[in-house]
C-alpha atoms as a PDB file:
ATOM      1  CA  UNK A   1      27.667  22.990 -27.796  1.00  0.00           C
ATOM      2  CA  UNK A   2      26.028  19.852 -29.292  1.00  0.00           C
ATOM      3  CA  UNK A   3      22.221  19.573 -29.333  1.00  0.00           C
ATOM      4  CA  UNK A   4      20.663  17.255 -26.786  1.00  0.00           C
ATOM      5  CA  UNK A   5      18.997  14.240 -28.366  1.00  0.00           C
ATOM      6  CA  UNK A   6      15.220  14.472 -28.765  1.00  0.00           C
ATOM      7  CA  UNK A   7      12.372  11.983 -29.238  1.00  0.00           C
ATOM      8  CA  UNK A   8      11.313  11.642 -32.860  1.00  0.00           C
ATOM      9  CA  UNK A   9       8.055  13.570 -33.580  1.00  0.00           C
ATOM     10  CA  UNK A  10       6.280  10.258 -34.139  1.00  0.00           C
ATOM     11  CA  UNK A  11       6.286   9.648 -30.425  1.00  0.00           C
ATOM     12  CA  UNK A  12       4.295  12.837 -29.359  1.00  0.00           C
ATOM     13  CA  UNK A  13       0.764  11.474 -30.011  1.00  0.00           C
ATOM     14  CA  UNK A  14       1.279   8.010 -28.629  1.00  0.00           C
ATOM     15  CA  UNK A  15      -1.034   6.685 -25.765  1.00  0.00           C
ATOM     16  CA  UNK A  16       1.960   5.089 -24.182  1.00  0.00           C
ATOM     17  CA  UNK A  17       4.352   7.135 -22.116  1.00  0.00           C
ATOM     18  CA  UNK A  18       7.795   7.329 -23.591  1.00  0.00           C
ATOM     19  CA  UNK A  19      11.296   8.469 -22.079  1.00  0.00           C
ATOM     20  CA  UNK A  20      14.336   9.023 -23.707  1.00  0.00           C
ATOM     21  CA  UNK A  21      17.391   8.199 -21.480  1.00  0.00           C
ATOM     22  CA  UNK A  22      21.095   8.805 -21.811  1.00  0.00           C
ATOM     23  CA  UNK A  23      22.514   5.285 -22.271  1.00  0.00           C
ATOM     24  CA  UNK A  24      25.292   5.733 -19.751  1.00  0.00           C
ATOM     25  CA  UNK A  25      24.017   7.978 -16.944  1.00  0.00           C
ATOM     26  CA  UNK A  26      20.306   7.189 -17.166  1.00  0.00           C
ATOM     27  CA  UNK A  27      19.368  10.864 -17.191  1.00  0.00           C
ATOM     28  CA  UNK A  28      16.166  11.688 -18.930  1.00  0.00           C
ATOM     29  CA  UNK A  29      16.744  13.621 -22.179  1.00  0.00           C
ATOM     30  CA  UNK A  30      13.264  13.897 -23.588  1.00  0.00           C
ATOM     31  CA  UNK A  31       9.594  12.707 -22.911  1.00  0.00           C
ATOM     32  CA  UNK A  32       6.433  12.639 -24.743  1.00  0.00           C
ATOM     33  CA  UNK A  33       3.063  14.261 -23.730  1.00  0.00           C
ATOM     34  CA  UNK A  34       1.532  11.010 -22.370  1.00  0.00           C
ATOM     35  CA  UNK A  35       4.489  10.614 -19.970  1.00  0.00           C
ATOM     36  CA  UNK A  36       3.980  14.147 -18.783  1.00  0.00           C
ATOM     37  CA  UNK A  37       0.430  13.205 -17.883  1.00  0.00           C
ATOM     38  CA  UNK A  38       1.404   9.892 -16.218  1.00  0.00           C
ATOM     39  CA  UNK A  39       4.111  11.471 -13.996  1.00  0.00           C
ATOM     40  CA  UNK A  40       2.518  14.795 -13.400  1.00  0.00           C
ATOM     41  CA  UNK A  41       5.643  16.743 -14.364  1.00  0.00           C
ATOM     42  CA  UNK A  42       6.166  18.926 -17.445  1.00  0.00           C
ATOM     43  CA  UNK A  43       8.711  17.978 -20.156  1.00  0.00           C
ATOM     44  CA  UNK A  44      11.020  20.802 -19.111  1.00  0.00           C
ATOM     45  CA  UNK A  45      11.243  19.509 -15.449  1.00  0.00           C
ATOM     46  CA  UNK A  46      11.701  15.832 -16.401  1.00  0.00           C
ATOM     47  CA  UNK A  47      14.525  16.467 -18.596  1.00  0.00           C
ATOM     48  CA  UNK A  48      17.642  16.216 -16.540  1.00  0.00           C
ATOM     49  CA  UNK A  49      16.009  14.081 -13.925  1.00  0.00           C
ATOM     50  CA  UNK A  50      17.185  10.718 -12.815  1.00  0.00           C
ATOM     51  CA  UNK A  51      14.892   7.677 -12.358  1.00  0.00           C
ATOM     52  CA  UNK A  52      15.306   7.974  -8.622  1.00  0.00           C
ATOM     53  CA  UNK A  53      13.713  11.314  -8.674  1.00  0.00           C
ATOM     54  CA  UNK A  54      10.202   9.888  -9.560  1.00  0.00           C
ATOM     55  CA  UNK A  55      10.626   6.483  -7.944  1.00  0.00           C
ATOM     56  CA  UNK A  56       8.426   5.830  -4.968  1.00  0.00           C
ATOM     57  CA  UNK A  57      10.844   6.556  -1.835  1.00  0.00           C
ATOM     58  CA  UNK A  58       9.823   3.564   0.201  1.00  0.00           C
ATOM     59  CA  UNK A  59      10.119   0.804  -2.312  1.00  0.00           C
ATOM     60  CA  UNK A  60      13.054  -1.515  -2.858  1.00  0.00           C
ATOM     61  CA  UNK A  61      13.741  -0.078  -6.406  1.00  0.00           C
ATOM     62  CA  UNK A  62      16.918   1.945  -6.700  1.00  0.00           C
ATOM     63  CA  UNK A  63      18.773   4.266  -9.007  1.00  0.00           C
ATOM     64  CA  UNK A  64      21.603   1.688  -9.405  1.00  0.00           C
ATOM     65  CA  UNK A  65      18.977  -0.945 -10.583  1.00  0.00           C
ATOM     66  CA  UNK A  66      17.570   1.499 -13.030  1.00  0.00           C
ATOM     67  CA  UNK A  67      21.015   2.438 -14.483  1.00  0.00           C
ATOM     68  CA  UNK A  68      22.000  -1.274 -14.709  1.00  0.00           C
ATOM     69  CA  UNK A  69      18.864  -2.090 -16.775  1.00  0.00           C
ATOM     70  CA  UNK A  70      19.311   1.033 -19.077  1.00  0.00           C
ATOM     71  CA  UNK A  71      22.912   0.088 -19.765  1.00  0.00           C
ATOM     72  CA  UNK A  72      21.812  -3.560 -20.544  1.00  0.00           C
ATOM     73  CA  UNK A  73      19.271  -2.252 -22.931  1.00  0.00           C
ATOM     74  CA  UNK A  74      21.869   0.047 -24.651  1.00  0.00           C
ATOM     75  CA  UNK A  75      24.096  -3.032 -25.036  1.00  0.00           C
ATOM     76  CA  UNK A  76      21.465  -4.904 -26.947  1.00  0.00           C
ATOM     77  CA  UNK A  77      19.591  -6.589 -24.227  1.00  0.00           C
ATOM     78  CA  UNK A  78      15.843  -5.346 -24.124  1.00  0.00           C
ATOM     79  CA  UNK A  79      14.572  -5.101 -20.625  1.00  0.00           C
ATOM     80  CA  UNK A  80      10.920  -5.583 -19.386  1.00  0.00           C
ATOM     81  CA  UNK A  81      10.014  -5.090 -15.762  1.00  0.00           C
ATOM     82  CA  UNK A  82       7.596  -3.413 -13.281  1.00  0.00           C
ATOM     83  CA  UNK A  83       8.341  -0.245 -11.330  1.00  0.00           C
ATOM     84  CA  UNK A  84       6.699   1.803  -8.583  1.00  0.00           C
ATOM     85  CA  UNK A  85       6.678   5.596  -9.331  1.00  0.00           C
ATOM     86  CA  UNK A  86       5.763   8.726  -7.350  1.00  0.00           C
ATOM     87  CA  UNK A  87       3.792  11.388  -9.313  1.00  0.00           C
ATOM     88  CA  UNK A  88       4.522  15.068  -8.786  1.00  0.00           C
ATOM     89  CA  UNK A  89       1.565  15.188  -6.377  1.00  0.00           C
ATOM     90  CA  UNK A  90       2.932  12.379  -4.176  1.00  0.00           C
ATOM     91  CA  UNK A  91       0.483   9.782  -5.731  1.00  0.00           C
ATOM     92  CA  UNK A  92       2.108   6.260  -6.071  1.00  0.00           C
ATOM     93  CA  UNK A  93       1.449   4.282  -9.339  1.00  0.00           C
ATOM     94  CA  UNK A  94       2.742   1.057 -10.634  1.00  0.00           C
ATOM     95  CA  UNK A  95       4.048   1.099 -14.179  1.00  0.00           C
ATOM     96  CA  UNK A  96       5.435  -1.577 -16.607  1.00  0.00           C
ATOM     97  CA  UNK A  97       8.652  -0.489 -18.465  1.00  0.00           C
ATOM     98  CA  UNK A  98      10.154  -1.762 -21.645  1.00  0.00           C
ATOM     99  CA  UNK A  99      13.731  -0.537 -22.419  1.00  0.00           C
ATOM    100  CA  UNK A 100      15.207  -0.696 -25.913  1.00  0.00           C
ATOM    101  CA  UNK A 101      18.529   0.651 -27.149  1.00  0.00           C
ATOM    102  CA  UNK A 102      18.183   3.404 -29.876  1.00  0.00           C
ATOM    103  CA  UNK A 103      20.582   5.741 -31.884  1.00  0.00           C
ATOM    104  CA  UNK A 104      19.750   9.219 -32.546  1.00  0.00           C
ATOM    105  CA  UNK A 105      22.229  10.856 -34.666  1.00  0.00           C
ATOM    106  CA  UNK A 106      25.526  10.006 -33.158  1.00  0.00           C
ATOM    107  CA  UNK A 107      24.135   9.484 -29.710  1.00  0.00           C
ATOM    108  CA  UNK A 108      23.385   6.098 -28.164  1.00  0.00           C
ATOM    109  CA  UNK A 109      20.224   6.408 -26.069  1.00  0.00           C
ATOM    110  CA  UNK A 110      17.544   4.042 -24.550  1.00  0.00           C
ATOM    111  CA  UNK A 111      13.927   4.368 -25.208  1.00  0.00           C
ATOM    112  CA  UNK A 112      11.703   3.599 -22.245  1.00  0.00           C
ATOM    113  CA  UNK A 113       7.931   2.763 -23.048  1.00  0.00           C
ATOM    114  CA  UNK A 114       5.938   3.170 -19.882  1.00  0.00           C
ATOM    115  CA  UNK A 115       2.297   1.968 -19.157  1.00  0.00           C
ATOM    116  CA  UNK A 116       0.202   2.639 -16.137  1.00  0.00           C
ATOM    117  CA  UNK A 117      -0.664  -0.759 -14.579  1.00  0.00           C
ATOM    118  CA  UNK A 118      -1.785   0.434 -11.102  1.00  0.00           C
ATOM    119  CA  UNK A 119      -5.387  -0.843 -11.746  1.00  0.00           C
ATOM    120  CA  UNK A 120      -4.142  -4.198 -12.846  1.00  0.00           C
ATOM    121  CA  UNK A 121      -1.882  -4.547  -9.760  1.00  0.00           C
ATOM    122  CA  UNK A 122      -4.820  -3.526  -7.651  1.00  0.00           C
ATOM    123  CA  UNK A 123      -7.043  -6.235  -9.139  1.00  0.00           C
ATOM    124  CA  UNK A 124      -4.309  -8.862  -8.833  1.00  0.00           C
ATOM    125  CA  UNK A 125      -3.646  -8.134  -5.114  1.00  0.00           C
ATOM    126  CA  UNK A 126      -7.501  -8.331  -4.530  1.00  0.00           C
ATOM    127  CA  UNK A 127      -7.894 -11.585  -6.322  1.00  0.00           C
ATOM    128  CA  UNK A 128      -4.822 -13.042  -4.287  1.00  0.00           C
ATOM    129  CA  UNK A 129      -6.396 -11.890  -0.996  1.00  0.00           C
ATOM    130  CA  UNK A 130      -9.913 -13.332  -1.802  1.00  0.00           C
ATOM    131  CA  UNK A 131      -8.371 -16.524  -2.839  1.00  0.00           C
ATOM    132  CA  UNK A 132      -6.445 -16.706   0.472  1.00  0.00           C
ATOM    133  CA  UNK A 133      -9.460 -15.846   2.591  1.00  0.00           C
ATOM    134  CA  UNK A 134     -12.096 -17.993   0.942  1.00  0.00           C
ATOM    135  CA  UNK A 135      -9.901 -20.968  -0.009  1.00  0.00           C
ATOM    136  CA  UNK A 136      -7.727 -21.131   3.175  1.00  0.00           C
ATOM    137  CA  UNK A 137      -8.758 -19.136   6.113  1.00  0.00           C
ATOM    138  CA  UNK A 138     -12.479 -19.694   5.958  1.00  0.00           C
ATOM    139  CA  UNK A 139     -11.888 -23.404   5.067  1.00  0.00           C
ATOM    140  CA  UNK A 140      -9.522 -24.060   7.857  1.00  0.00           C
ATOM    141  CA  UNK A 141     -11.574 -22.055  10.380  1.00  0.00           C
ATOM    142  CA  UNK A 142     -14.732 -23.999   9.409  1.00  0.00           C
ATOM    143  CA  UNK A 143     -12.785 -27.356   9.880  1.00  0.00           C
ATOM    144  CA  UNK A 144     -11.413 -26.325  13.262  1.00  0.00           C
ATOM    145  CA  UNK A 145     -14.959 -25.289  14.273  1.00  0.00           C
ATOM    146  CA  UNK A 146     -16.355 -28.644  13.242  1.00  0.00           C
ATOM    147  CA  UNK A 147     -13.676 -30.255  15.374  1.00  0.00           C
ATOM    148  CA  UNK A 148     -14.640 -28.337  18.383  1.00  0.00           C
ATOM    149  CA  UNK A 149     -18.101 -29.121  17.846  1.00  0.00           C
ATOM    150  CA  UNK A 150     -17.311 -32.826  18.119  1.00  0.00           C
ATOM    151  CA  UNK A 151     -15.261 -32.081  21.209  1.00  0.00           C
ATOM    152  CA  UNK A 152     -18.166 -30.224  22.663  1.00  0.00           C
ATOM    153  CA  UNK A 153     -20.465 -33.303  22.255  1.00  0.00           C
ATOM    154  CA  UNK A 154     -17.914 -35.160  24.363  1.00  0.00           C
ATOM    155  CA  UNK A 155     -17.565 -32.442  26.867  1.00  0.00           C
ATOM    156  CA  UNK A 156     -21.272 -32.392  27.633  1.00  0.00           C
ATOM    157  CA  UNK A 157     -20.852 -35.828  29.427  1.00  0.00           C
ATOM    158  CA  UNK A 158     -17.635 -34.528  31.023  1.00  0.00           C
ATOM    159  CA  UNK A 159     -18.954 -31.169  32.201  1.00  0.00           C
ATOM    160  CA  UNK A 160     -16.050 -29.469  30.407  1.00  0.00           C
ATOM    161  CA  UNK A 161     -18.212 -26.992  28.385  1.00  0.00           C
ATOM    162  CA  UNK A 162     -16.971 -23.463  29.203  1.00  0.00           C
ATOM    163  CA  UNK A 163     -13.553 -23.635  27.444  1.00  0.00           C
ATOM    164  CA  UNK A 164     -14.845 -25.394  24.442  1.00  0.00           C
ATOM    165  CA  UNK A 165     -17.652 -22.912  23.864  1.00  0.00           C
ATOM    166  CA  UNK A 166     -15.349 -20.001  24.342  1.00  0.00           C
ATOM    167  CA  UNK A 167     -13.130 -21.324  21.713  1.00  0.00           C
ATOM    168  CA  UNK A 168     -16.010 -21.895  19.280  1.00  0.00           C
ATOM    169  CA  UNK A 169     -17.022 -18.345  19.794  1.00  0.00           C
ATOM    170  CA  UNK A 170     -13.621 -16.930  19.064  1.00  0.00           C
ATOM    171  CA  UNK A 171     -13.468 -18.830  15.829  1.00  0.00           C
ATOM    172  CA  UNK A 172     -17.026 -17.746  14.850  1.00  0.00           C
ATOM    173  CA  UNK A 173     -15.860 -14.182  15.613  1.00  0.00           C
ATOM    174  CA  UNK A 174     -12.919 -14.394  13.396  1.00  0.00           C
ATOM    175  CA  UNK A 175     -14.982 -15.697  10.590  1.00  0.00           C
ATOM    176  CA  UNK A 176     -17.270 -12.880  11.016  1.00  0.00           C
ATOM    177  CA  UNK A 177     -14.409 -10.532  10.898  1.00  0.00           C
ATOM    178  CA  UNK A 178     -13.134 -12.055   7.577  1.00  0.00           C
ATOM    179  CA  UNK A 179     -16.633 -11.683   6.080  1.00  0.00           C
ATOM    180  CA  UNK A 180     -16.614  -8.038   7.082  1.00  0.00           C
ATOM    181  CA  UNK A 181     -13.245  -7.469   5.588  1.00  0.00           C
ATOM    182  CA  UNK A 182     -14.335  -8.975   2.279  1.00  0.00           C
ATOM    183  CA  UNK A 183     -17.384  -6.622   2.276  1.00  0.00           C
ATOM    184  CA  UNK A 184     -14.968  -3.729   2.838  1.00  0.00           C
ATOM    185  CA  UNK A 185     -12.828  -4.806  -0.152  1.00  0.00           C
ATOM    186  CA  UNK A 186     -15.769  -5.134  -2.395  1.00  0.00           C
ATOM    187  CA  UNK A 187     -17.002  -1.621  -1.519  1.00  0.00           C
ATOM    188  CA  UNK A 188     -13.603   0.100  -2.143  1.00  0.00           C
ATOM    189  CA  UNK A 189     -13.126  -1.993  -5.308  1.00  0.00           C
ATOM    190  CA  UNK A 190     -16.375  -0.844  -6.799  1.00  0.00           C
ATOM    191  CA  UNK A 191     -15.618   2.406  -8.650  1.00  0.00           C
ATOM    192  CA  UNK A 192     -19.202   3.597  -8.178  1.00  0.00           C
ATOM    193  CA  UNK A 193     -19.427   2.421  -4.564  1.00  0.00           C
ATOM    194  CA  UNK A 194     -17.700   5.472  -2.998  1.00  0.00           C
ATOM    195  CA  UNK A 195     -17.091   9.020  -4.055  1.00  0.00           C
ATOM    196  CA  UNK A 196     -13.773  10.795  -3.163  1.00  0.00           C
ATOM    197  CA  UNK A 197     -13.955  14.298  -1.640  1.00  0.00           C
ATOM    198  CA  UNK A 198     -11.552  16.671  -0.050  1.00  0.00           C
ATOM    199  CA  UNK A 199     -11.268  15.344   3.473  1.00  0.00           C
ATOM    200  CA  UNK A 200      -9.736  16.391   6.787  1.00  0.00           C
ATOM    201  CA  UNK A 201      -7.525  13.556   7.935  1.00  0.00           C
ATOM    202  CA  UNK A 202      -7.452  15.150  11.324  1.00  0.00           C
ATOM    203  CA  UNK A 203     -11.283  14.797  11.750  1.00  0.00           C
ATOM    204  CA  UNK A 204     -11.460  11.301  10.544  1.00  0.00           C
ATOM    205  CA  UNK A 205      -8.676  10.198  12.750  1.00  0.00           C
ATOM    206  CA  UNK A 206     -10.209  12.005  15.682  1.00  0.00           C
ATOM    207  CA  UNK A 207     -13.467  10.285  15.299  1.00  0.00           C
ATOM    208  CA  UNK A 208     -11.719   6.848  15.179  1.00  0.00           C
ATOM    209  CA  UNK A 209      -9.628   7.574  18.317  1.00  0.00           C
ATOM    210  CA  UNK A 210     -12.654   8.603  20.384  1.00  0.00           C
ATOM    211  CA  UNK A 211     -14.479   5.429  19.261  1.00  0.00           C
ATOM    212  CA  UNK A 212     -11.484   3.236  20.285  1.00  0.00           C
ATOM    213  CA  UNK A 213     -11.302   4.999  23.645  1.00  0.00           C
ATOM    214  CA  UNK A 214     -14.902   4.213  24.293  1.00  0.00           C
ATOM    215  CA  UNK A 215     -14.761   0.524  23.035  1.00  0.00           C
ATOM    216  CA  UNK A 216     -11.585  -0.330  24.754  1.00  0.00           C
ATOM    217  CA  UNK A 217     -11.523   1.635  28.001  1.00  0.00           C
ATOM    218  CA  UNK A 218      -8.619  -0.492  29.298  1.00  0.00           C
ATOM    219  CA  UNK A 219      -6.316   0.747  26.522  1.00  0.00           C
ATOM    220  CA  UNK A 220      -4.402   3.991  26.519  1.00  0.00           C
ATOM    221  CA  UNK A 221      -5.178   5.721  23.123  1.00  0.00           C
ATOM    222  CA  UNK A 222      -3.568   9.047  22.530  1.00  0.00           C
ATOM    223  CA  UNK A 223      -3.729  11.551  19.690  1.00  0.00           C
ATOM    224  CA  UNK A 224      -1.348  14.139  18.468  1.00  0.00           C
ATOM    225  CA  UNK A 225      -2.073  16.556  15.595  1.00  0.00           C
ATOM    226  CA  UNK A 226       0.912  18.863  14.863  1.00  0.00           C
ATOM    227  CA  UNK A 227      -0.410  19.606  11.446  1.00  0.00           C
ATOM    228  CA  UNK A 228      -3.621  19.989   9.447  1.00  0.00           C
ATOM    229  CA  UNK A 229      -3.707  17.435   6.744  1.00  0.00           C
ATOM    230  CA  UNK A 230      -6.179  17.464   3.809  1.00  0.00           C
ATOM    231  CA  UNK A 231      -6.493  14.559   1.157  1.00  0.00           C
ATOM    232  CA  UNK A 232      -8.743  13.305  -1.484  1.00  0.00           C
ATOM    233  CA  UNK A 233     -10.375  10.219   0.140  1.00  0.00           C
ATOM    234  CA  UNK A 234     -13.305   7.896   0.324  1.00  0.00           C
ATOM    235  CA  UNK A 235     -14.494   5.322   2.685  1.00  0.00           C
ATOM    236  CA  UNK A 236     -11.387   3.380   2.355  1.00  0.00           C
ATOM    237  CA  UNK A 237      -9.633   5.965   4.579  1.00  0.00           C
ATOM    238  CA  UNK A 238     -12.046   5.012   7.469  1.00  0.00           C
ATOM    239  CA  UNK A 239     -11.487   1.354   7.047  1.00  0.00           C
ATOM    240  CA  UNK A 240      -7.601   1.809   7.001  1.00  0.00           C
ATOM    241  CA  UNK A 241      -7.605   3.851  10.203  1.00  0.00           C
ATOM    242  CA  UNK A 242     -10.127   1.628  11.893  1.00  0.00           C
ATOM    243  CA  UNK A 243      -8.091  -1.555  11.243  1.00  0.00           C
ATOM    244  CA  UNK A 244      -4.889   0.250  12.270  1.00  0.00           C
ATOM    245  CA  UNK A 245      -6.078   1.286  15.593  1.00  0.00           C
ATOM    246  CA  UNK A 246      -7.997  -1.901  16.225  1.00  0.00           C
ATOM    247  CA  UNK A 247      -5.055  -4.124  15.556  1.00  0.00           C
ATOM    248  CA  UNK A 248      -2.845  -2.081  17.745  1.00  0.00           C
ATOM    249  CA  UNK A 249      -5.110  -2.675  20.592  1.00  0.00           C
ATOM    250  CA  UNK A 250      -6.667  -6.117  20.212  1.00  0.00           C
ATOM    251  CA  UNK A 251      -3.345  -7.850  19.286  1.00  0.00           C
ATOM    252  CA  UNK A 252      -1.457  -6.254  22.223  1.00  0.00           C
ATOM    253  CA  UNK A 253      -0.408  -8.612  25.099  1.00  0.00           C
ATOM    254  CA  UNK A 254      -0.309  -5.959  27.747  1.00  0.00           C
ATOM    255  CA  UNK A 255      -2.916  -5.441  30.407  1.00  0.00           C
ATOM    256  CA  UNK A 256      -3.162  -1.847  29.391  1.00  0.00           C
ATOM    257  CA  UNK A 257      -2.267  -1.440  25.647  1.00  0.00           C
ATOM    258  CA  UNK A 258      -0.674   1.919  24.663  1.00  0.00           C
ATOM    259  CA  UNK A 259      -1.447   3.356  21.335  1.00  0.00           C
ATOM    260  CA  UNK A 260      -0.273   6.687  20.016  1.00  0.00           C
ATOM    261  CA  UNK A 261      -1.911   8.068  16.905  1.00  0.00           C
ATOM    262  CA  UNK A 262      -0.511  11.156  15.214  1.00  0.00           C
ATOM    263  CA  UNK A 263      -1.402  13.077  12.090  1.00  0.00           C
ATOM    264  CA  UNK A 264       1.298  15.226  10.447  1.00  0.00           C
ATOM    265  CA  UNK A 265       3.081  16.045   7.179  1.00  0.00           C
ATOM    266  CA  UNK A 266       5.993  13.991   6.322  1.00  0.00           C
ATOM    267  CA  UNK A 267       8.901  16.309   5.523  1.00  0.00           C
ATOM    268  CA  UNK A 268      10.796  13.739   3.434  1.00  0.00           C
ATOM    269  CA  UNK A 269       8.007  12.866   0.861  1.00  0.00           C
ATOM    270  CA  UNK A 270       5.808  15.894   1.322  1.00  0.00           C
ATOM    271  CA  UNK A 271       2.805  13.728   1.899  1.00  0.00           C
ATOM    272  CA  UNK A 272       0.361  13.549   4.741  1.00  0.00           C
ATOM    273  CA  UNK A 273       1.023  10.959   7.327  1.00  0.00           C
ATOM    274  CA  UNK A 274      -1.069   8.943   9.812  1.00  0.00           C
ATOM    275  CA  UNK A 275       1.180   7.258  12.312  1.00  0.00           C
ATOM    276  CA  UNK A 276      -0.089   4.540  14.777  1.00  0.00           C
ATOM    277  CA  UNK A 277       2.483   3.358  17.263  1.00  0.00           C
ATOM    278  CA  UNK A 278       1.921   0.657  19.786  1.00  0.00           C
ATOM    279  CA  UNK A 279       3.732  -1.250  22.436  1.00  0.00           C
ATOM    280  CA  UNK A 280       2.567  -4.709  21.666  1.00  0.00           C
ATOM    281  CA  UNK A 281       4.327  -7.795  20.103  1.00  0.00           C
ATOM    282  CA  UNK A 282       6.056  -7.094  16.776  1.00  0.00           C
ATOM    283  CA  UNK A 283       3.806  -7.968  13.789  1.00  0.00           C
ATOM    284  CA  UNK A 284       5.126 -11.440  12.308  1.00  0.00           C
ATOM    285  CA  UNK A 285       7.169 -10.769   9.304  1.00  0.00           C
ATOM    286  CA  UNK A 286       5.355 -13.460   7.271  1.00  0.00           C
ATOM    287  CA  UNK A 287       2.175 -11.189   7.719  1.00  0.00           C
ATOM    288  CA  UNK A 288       3.882  -8.073   6.179  1.00  0.00           C
ATOM    289  CA  UNK A 289       5.904 -10.024   3.605  1.00  0.00           C
ATOM    290  CA  UNK A 290       2.772 -11.385   2.042  1.00  0.00           C
ATOM    291  CA  UNK A 291       1.467  -7.946   1.375  1.00  0.00           C
ATOM    292  CA  UNK A 292       4.343  -7.692  -1.291  1.00  0.00           C
ATOM    293  CA  UNK A 293       2.661  -7.641  -4.600  1.00  0.00           C
ATOM    294  CA  UNK A 294       5.351 -10.168  -5.846  1.00  0.00           C
ATOM    295  CA  UNK A 295       4.549 -12.714  -2.928  1.00  0.00           C
ATOM    296  CA  UNK A 296       2.943 -16.010  -3.925  1.00  0.00           C
ATOM    297  CA  UNK A 297       2.592 -17.716  -0.670  1.00  0.00           C
ATOM    298  CA  UNK A 298      -0.745 -19.322  -0.082  1.00  0.00           C
ATOM    299  CA  UNK A 299      -0.523 -20.251   3.562  1.00  0.00           C
ATOM    300  CA  UNK A 300      -3.210 -19.386   6.037  1.00  0.00           C
ATOM    301  CA  UNK A 301      -2.850 -16.107   7.937  1.00  0.00           C
ATOM    302  CA  UNK A 302      -4.913 -15.246  11.047  1.00  0.00           C
ATOM    303  CA  UNK A 303      -4.845 -12.527  13.540  1.00  0.00           C
ATOM    304  CA  UNK A 304      -3.802  -9.025  12.242  1.00  0.00           C
ATOM    305  CA  UNK A 305      -3.122 -10.406   8.877  1.00  0.00           C
ATOM    306  CA  UNK A 306      -6.576  -9.712   7.122  1.00  0.00           C
ATOM    307  CA  UNK A 307      -6.636  -6.404   8.738  1.00  0.00           C
ATOM    308  CA  UNK A 308      -3.204  -5.513   7.182  1.00  0.00           C
ATOM    309  CA  UNK A 309      -4.529  -6.623   3.844  1.00  0.00           C
ATOM    310  CA  UNK A 310      -7.533  -4.160   4.237  1.00  0.00           C
ATOM    311  CA  UNK A 311      -5.258  -1.373   5.175  1.00  0.00           C
ATOM    312  CA  UNK A 312      -2.998  -2.085   2.329  1.00  0.00           C
ATOM    313  CA  UNK A 313      -5.672  -2.307  -0.264  1.00  0.00           C
ATOM    314  CA  UNK A 314      -7.452   1.019   0.960  1.00  0.00           C
ATOM    315  CA  UNK A 315      -4.245   3.096   1.061  1.00  0.00           C
ATOM    316  CA  UNK A 316      -3.171   1.733  -2.456  1.00  0.00           C
ATOM    317  CA  UNK A 317      -6.506   2.731  -3.788  1.00  0.00           C
ATOM    318  CA  UNK A 318      -5.936   6.335  -2.585  1.00  0.00           C
ATOM    319  CA  UNK A 319      -2.513   6.524  -4.160  1.00  0.00           C
ATOM    320  CA  UNK A 320      -0.605   6.216  -1.067  1.00  0.00           C
ATOM    321  CA  UNK A 321       1.811   3.872   0.768  1.00  0.00           C
ATOM    322  CA  UNK A 322       1.575   1.782   3.873  1.00  0.00           C
ATOM    323  CA  UNK A 323       4.849   1.467   5.820  1.00  0.00           C
ATOM    324  CA  UNK A 324       5.620  -0.876   8.641  1.00  0.00           C
ATOM    325  CA  UNK A 325       8.394  -0.116  11.107  1.00  0.00           C
ATOM    326  CA  UNK A 326       9.538  -1.401  14.645  1.00  0.00           C
ATOM    327  CA  UNK A 327       8.784   0.681  17.609  1.00  0.00           C
ATOM    328  CA  UNK A 328      11.441   1.441  20.407  1.00  0.00           C
ATOM    329  CA  UNK A 329      11.745  -0.126  22.787  1.00  0.00           C
ATOM    330  CA  UNK A 330       8.855  -2.475  21.828  1.00  0.00           C
ATOM    331  CA  UNK A 331       6.094  -2.594  19.417  1.00  0.00           C
ATOM    332  CA  UNK A 332       5.108  -1.517  15.913  1.00  0.00           C
ATOM    333  CA  UNK A 333       4.770   1.580  13.994  1.00  0.00           C
ATOM    334  CA  UNK A 334       2.246   1.713  11.162  1.00  0.00           C
ATOM    335  CA  UNK A 335       2.631   4.652   8.674  1.00  0.00           C
ATOM    336  CA  UNK A 336      -0.041   5.645   6.105  1.00  0.00           C
ATOM    337  CA  UNK A 337       1.377   8.136   3.559  1.00  0.00           C
ATOM    338  CA  UNK A 338      -1.153   9.933   1.342  1.00  0.00           C
ATOM    339  CA  UNK A 339      -0.820  12.649  -1.262  1.00  0.00           C
ATOM    340  CA  UNK A 340      -1.891  15.943  -0.047  1.00  0.00           C
ATOM    341  CA  UNK A 341      -4.825  18.079  -1.381  1.00  0.00           C
ATOM    342  CA  UNK A 342      -3.497  21.636  -1.549  1.00  0.00           C
ATOM    343  CA  UNK A 343      -6.954  23.104  -2.333  1.00  0.00           C
ATOM    344  CA  UNK A 344      -8.673  25.817  -0.179  1.00  0.00           C
ATOM    345  CA  UNK A 345      -9.606  24.714   3.267  1.00  0.00           C
END
């Protein structure tokens, strides 16, 4: 039986993660120590795994795409791209990957250099959001506000004040909401601003559900807790849950909005899950699409859009994933998936 190809010893102490792939199947043949640290698996476990085994389950990346790129690199076409991986503990991280064909003995293999770019992607997303909010939303809202102020001057003579004043108050409230969201982003982005600790998701969600029931007495807000879920979290978890529940209520067009919140463990990913389901209008696709890290649109987004950004930012910062689905027969389902903390309760 022939010996399986292994990485040259020179790769052992590199600060860059390295995988050795079979050129045809894409199977992992060997890894260095840095790759073990990055992915959270030991080398013995990684050997024999496919790329799909450590790819984030809810992303658009597939095993077929990985194999196609690996084969291209083996054929002499080096590949460079970004990928979203899932660590052994369920934490999600962004990595940059460079693939190069290499021969080890008589075997054709592909060398993958892997670097953690999660922090870079997070900063990029933050800058794009702040650019959109400051340069577009706030500027446009201010312009509209000034326009209504001019109309108000004319309305004074026409005794048509109530509607004009109500509109001005609505726009001013939205500007205030945008300012609050920016403050939340700044707090979560500051590594010294908040400290993570072992947190009961059930307790945090319970507090926000009670608050929502008190603030929105006309809404029907229910809570289901089929499992106890513990995670490592900071203040970002509070912000994400707060925006998730608030969006489900205030953007609902029914006289009595119905919101069902649950805390459980997702059997497919093995992560903790916060599920917020409503019966309101479907979230516009444009507001969800713009959360994509590769999206470059610069239009103005109002309504739930900024709240979705805060949720995305906070869940990303905790190594989790934010998933949007349609509810049946009507409405939205927002799923927040977070790595579990398996320590002592």
